[in-house]
Amino acid sequence: MNSTLPDTQCASDALAENGYVVLPNFLTDTDAMALYDYASNLDDAQWQIAAVGRQQLQTINTHVRSDKIHWLQPEHSLESAYLAHMDNLRLRINRELFMGLFDYESHLAKYRPGAYYKKHLDAFKGRSNRVLTTVLYLNPEWSDTDGGELVIYGTKGEVLEELLPTLGTMVMFLSDTFVHEVKVGSRERYSITGWFRHNTSISGIIDPPR
């Protein structure tokens, strides 16, 4: 990535105060479009149906979510560049908020027209090492009528944010705090979802693996 990291002090202040932050220009249009072109040209065989839950408890439940995913790996140059970019962000957040973020896992997500992800939490207190969720949107020329909004809810069920998945926008939020959902869209929709994690490993084995 040739883009510069956002003002992490402002992002950290928002995370500390609210538990979430929206960064409208996290990546330049050039970097975001490169990721969009990459995602939209992946072969169908490189996408898998997204599961619900973790490890042995994972199940396919299309009543909850109907997107497809592609896990990012460092072997591909563009995927590696994005992972490195996020690792730099991890280090800066750790310096400013002392969150002890250990590593990062991430996947592309593809929502075809009509796809959705119903209300859910990304982590449950004491049961996951996912700490901070990130979602980067890769959709050029997205309008209000296209739908596909991310909705973030507060502790009383109130809507805190309703965000269009516009190109280059990043949202970060505490994984075990905010219920959220992805509404149905009328166009194919791409994003990169990731999680900064704590290390609860034994003998150097990261626990749990994705």
Protein backbone atom coordinates (compact mmCIF):
# COMPACT_ATOMS: atom_id res chain seq x y z
CA MET A 1 0.00 0.00 0.00
CA ASN A 2 1.37 3.42 -0.94
CA SER A 3 -1.23 5.30 1.07
CA THR A 4 -0.39 6.78 4.43
CA LEU A 5 -1.91 5.49 7.64
CA PRO A 6 -4.73 7.59 9.08
CA ASP A 7 -4.28 9.92 12.04
CA THR A 8 -4.17 7.10 14.57
CA GLN A 9 -4.27 9.50 17.53
CA CYS A 10 -7.73 10.69 16.43
CA ALA A 11 -8.78 7.10 15.73
CA SER A 12 -7.46 5.98 19.11
CA ASP A 13 -9.28 8.81 20.89
CA ALA A 14 -12.56 7.78 19.25
CA LEU A 15 -11.98 4.11 20.09
CA ALA A 16 -11.21 4.95 23.70
CA GLU A 17 -14.28 7.17 24.04
CA ASN A 18 -16.88 5.34 21.94
CA GLY A 19 -15.50 1.85 21.26
CA TYR A 20 -15.71 2.40 17.50
CA VAL A 21 -14.47 4.75 14.81
CA VAL A 22 -15.31 5.43 11.15
CA LEU A 23 -12.44 6.49 8.85
CA PRO A 24 -13.86 7.69 5.50
CA ASN A 25 -10.51 7.79 3.65
CA PHE A 26 -8.53 4.96 5.20
CA LEU A 27 -7.03 4.09 1.81
CA THR A 28 -6.49 6.22 -1.25
CA ASP A 29 -8.84 5.60 -4.15
CA THR A 30 -5.93 4.06 -6.07
CA ASP A 31 -5.16 1.48 -3.37
CA ALA A 32 -8.81 0.74 -2.71
CA MET A 33 -9.53 0.32 -6.44
CA ALA A 34 -6.59 -2.08 -6.79
CA LEU A 35 -8.11 -4.24 -4.05
CA TYR A 36 -11.56 -3.97 -5.64
CA ASP A 37 -10.22 -5.05 -9.04
CA TYR A 38 -8.38 -7.93 -7.40
CA ALA A 39 -11.45 -9.13 -5.50
CA SER A 40 -13.85 -8.80 -8.41
CA ASN A 41 -11.53 -10.85 -10.65
CA LEU A 42 -10.96 -13.77 -8.28
CA ASP A 43 -12.13 -17.09 -9.69
CA ASP A 44 -15.27 -18.58 -8.13
CA ALA A 45 -13.15 -21.48 -6.85
CA GLN A 46 -11.22 -19.06 -4.63
CA TRP A 47 -14.33 -18.09 -2.68
CA GLN A 48 -15.88 -20.24 0.03
CA ILE A 49 -19.27 -20.10 1.71
CA ALA A 50 -18.89 -18.22 4.99
CA ALA A 51 -19.45 -20.19 8.18
CA VAL A 52 -20.89 -19.09 11.53
CA GLY A 53 -18.94 -19.81 14.73
CA ARG A 54 -15.32 -20.90 15.27
CA GLN A 55 -13.31 -24.11 15.04
CA GLN A 56 -15.37 -27.26 15.77
CA LEU A 57 -18.51 -25.17 16.27
CA GLN A 58 -18.46 -23.71 12.76
CA THR A 59 -21.61 -24.31 10.73
CA ILE A 60 -22.98 -23.12 7.40
CA ASN A 61 -26.17 -21.18 8.12
CA THR A 62 -27.45 -19.19 5.17
CA HIS A 63 -30.34 -17.92 7.32
CA VAL A 64 -27.77 -15.90 9.28
CA ARG A 65 -25.31 -14.93 6.54
CA SER A 66 -25.13 -15.45 2.78
CA ASP A 67 -21.80 -13.93 1.81
CA LYS A 68 -18.72 -15.70 0.47
CA ILE A 69 -15.18 -15.17 1.74
CA HIS A 70 -11.54 -15.47 0.68
CA TRP A 71 -8.92 -15.53 3.46
CA LEU A 72 -5.95 -13.25 2.86
CA GLN A 73 -2.53 -14.88 2.76
CA PRO A 74 0.96 -13.31 2.61
CA GLU A 75 1.93 -15.35 -0.46
CA HIS A 76 0.06 -12.98 -2.81
CA SER A 77 1.72 -9.59 -3.21
CA LEU A 78 -1.41 -7.42 -2.96
CA GLU A 79 -2.83 -9.42 -0.05
CA SER A 80 0.57 -9.24 1.65
CA ALA A 81 0.72 -5.46 1.18
CA TYR A 82 -2.65 -5.01 2.85
CA LEU A 83 -1.72 -7.32 5.74
CA ALA A 84 1.52 -5.38 6.24
CA HIS A 85 -0.41 -2.10 6.20
CA MET A 86 -2.71 -3.40 8.91
CA ASP A 87 0.22 -4.68 10.96
CA ASN A 88 1.66 -1.17 10.96
CA LEU A 89 -1.70 0.07 12.19
CA ARG A 90 -1.67 -2.60 14.93
CA LEU A 91 1.68 -1.37 16.21
CA ARG A 92 0.53 2.23 16.29
CA ILE A 93 -2.71 1.41 18.11
CA ASN A 94 -0.75 -0.60 20.66
CA ARG A 95 1.55 2.36 21.29
CA GLU A 96 -1.37 4.72 21.81
CA LEU A 97 -3.94 2.51 23.60
CA PHE A 98 -1.83 -0.31 25.08
CA MET A 99 -4.35 -2.87 23.77
CA GLY A 100 -1.85 -5.72 23.47
CA LEU A 101 -2.96 -6.57 19.94
CA PHE A 102 -0.89 -9.59 18.91
CA ASP A 103 -1.78 -10.38 15.31
CA TYR A 104 -4.34 -9.88 12.56
CA GLU A 105 -6.50 -12.20 10.47
CA SER A 106 -8.55 -11.01 7.53
CA HIS A 107 -10.69 -12.09 4.58
CA LEU A 108 -12.32 -10.59 1.55
CA ALA A 109 -16.10 -10.79 1.62
CA LYS A 110 -18.37 -10.85 -1.41
CA TYR A 111 -22.08 -10.13 -1.10
CA ARG A 112 -24.08 -10.82 -4.22
CA PRO A 113 -27.32 -8.87 -4.76
CA GLY A 114 -29.75 -9.97 -2.04
CA ALA A 115 -27.02 -11.25 0.32
CA TYR A 116 -26.93 -10.22 3.98
CA TYR A 117 -25.50 -10.91 7.43
CA LYS A 118 -28.03 -10.72 10.27
CA LYS A 119 -27.39 -9.20 13.70
CA HIS A 120 -24.41 -10.76 15.47
CA LEU A 121 -21.37 -10.20 17.68
CA ASP A 122 -17.89 -10.99 16.40
CA ALA A 123 -16.69 -12.22 19.81
CA PHE A 124 -18.10 -13.14 23.20
CA LYS A 125 -16.40 -11.96 26.38
CA GLY A 126 -13.98 -14.59 27.64
CA ARG A 127 -14.57 -16.92 24.71
CA SER A 128 -12.53 -15.42 21.86
CA ASN A 129 -9.23 -13.67 21.31
CA ARG A 130 -10.72 -11.32 18.71
CA VAL A 131 -10.45 -7.83 20.18
CA LEU A 132 -10.91 -5.23 17.45
CA THR A 133 -12.92 -5.74 14.28
CA THR A 134 -12.03 -3.87 11.07
CA VAL A 135 -14.13 -3.57 7.91
CA LEU A 136 -12.74 -1.87 4.80
CA TYR A 137 -15.13 -1.18 1.93
CA LEU A 138 -14.14 -1.54 -1.73
CA ASN A 139 -17.17 -0.36 -3.67
CA PRO A 140 -16.82 2.49 -6.17
CA GLU A 141 -19.76 4.77 -7.00
CA TRP A 142 -22.03 3.30 -4.33
CA SER A 143 -25.28 5.21 -3.77
CA ASP A 144 -28.02 5.28 -1.14
CA THR A 145 -30.31 3.24 -3.37
CA ASP A 146 -27.78 0.38 -3.59
CA GLY A 147 -28.36 -0.59 0.06
CA GLY A 148 -25.92 -2.99 1.73
CA GLU A 149 -25.44 -0.77 4.78
CA LEU A 150 -23.50 -1.81 7.87
CA VAL A 151 -25.63 -1.08 10.94
CA ILE A 152 -23.94 -0.86 14.35
CA TYR A 153 -26.16 -1.09 17.45
CA GLY A 154 -25.70 0.19 20.97
CA THR A 155 -26.26 -1.72 24.21
CA LYS A 156 -29.98 -0.82 24.25
CA GLY A 157 -30.52 -1.82 20.62
CA GLU A 158 -30.34 1.73 19.33
CA VAL A 159 -28.72 2.42 15.96
CA LEU A 160 -25.33 4.09 16.45
CA GLU A 161 -24.18 4.07 12.83
CA GLU A 162 -25.67 3.11 9.46
CA LEU A 163 -22.85 3.18 6.92
CA LEU A 164 -22.86 2.80 3.16
CA PRO A 165 -20.01 0.51 1.97
CA THR A 166 -18.24 3.24 0.01
CA LEU A 167 -14.79 2.89 -1.50
CA GLY A 168 -11.91 3.34 0.93
CA THR A 169 -14.00 3.70 4.10
CA MET A 170 -12.87 1.78 7.18
CA VAL A 171 -14.83 1.09 10.36
CA MET A 172 -13.22 -0.35 13.51
CA PHE A 173 -15.08 -1.45 16.65
CA LEU A 174 -14.61 -3.59 19.75
CA SER A 175 -15.44 -7.14 18.70
CA ASP A 176 -17.23 -8.23 21.89
CA THR A 177 -19.25 -5.04 22.37
CA PHE A 178 -21.18 -4.05 19.26
CA VAL A 179 -23.97 -6.07 17.67
CA HIS A 180 -24.01 -5.29 13.96
CA GLU A 181 -25.55 -6.46 10.69
CA VAL A 182 -25.16 -6.10 6.94
CA LYS A 183 -28.36 -5.18 5.14
CA VAL A 184 -29.40 -6.53 1.76
CA GLY A 185 -27.87 -4.73 -1.20
CA SER A 186 -28.94 -4.53 -4.82
CA ARG A 187 -25.39 -4.66 -6.25
CA GLU A 188 -22.43 -6.97 -5.75
CA ARG A 189 -20.58 -5.66 -2.71
CA TYR A 190 -16.98 -6.22 -1.60
CA SER A 191 -15.21 -5.60 1.68
CA ILE A 192 -12.25 -6.80 3.74
CA THR A 193 -13.17 -7.90 7.24
CA GLY A 194 -10.45 -8.49 9.80
CA TRP A 195 -9.73 -8.91 13.48
CA PHE A 196 -6.86 -7.75 15.63
CA ARG A 197 -6.37 -10.45 18.25
CA HIS A 198 -4.82 -11.12 21.62
CA ASN A 199 -2.45 -14.06 21.98
CA THR A 200 -3.89 -16.72 24.27
CA SER A 201 -1.50 -19.35 22.96
CA ILE A 202 0.32 -22.19 24.63
CA SER A 203 3.79 -23.18 23.39
CA GLY A 204 3.64 -20.61 20.61
CA ILE A 205 0.47 -21.98 18.97
CA ILE A 206 -2.04 -19.20 18.32
CA ASP A 207 -5.36 -20.03 19.95
CA PRO A 208 -7.82 -20.24 18.43
CA PRO A 209 -6.86 -20.47 14.77
CA ARG A 210 -9.49 -19.30 12.32
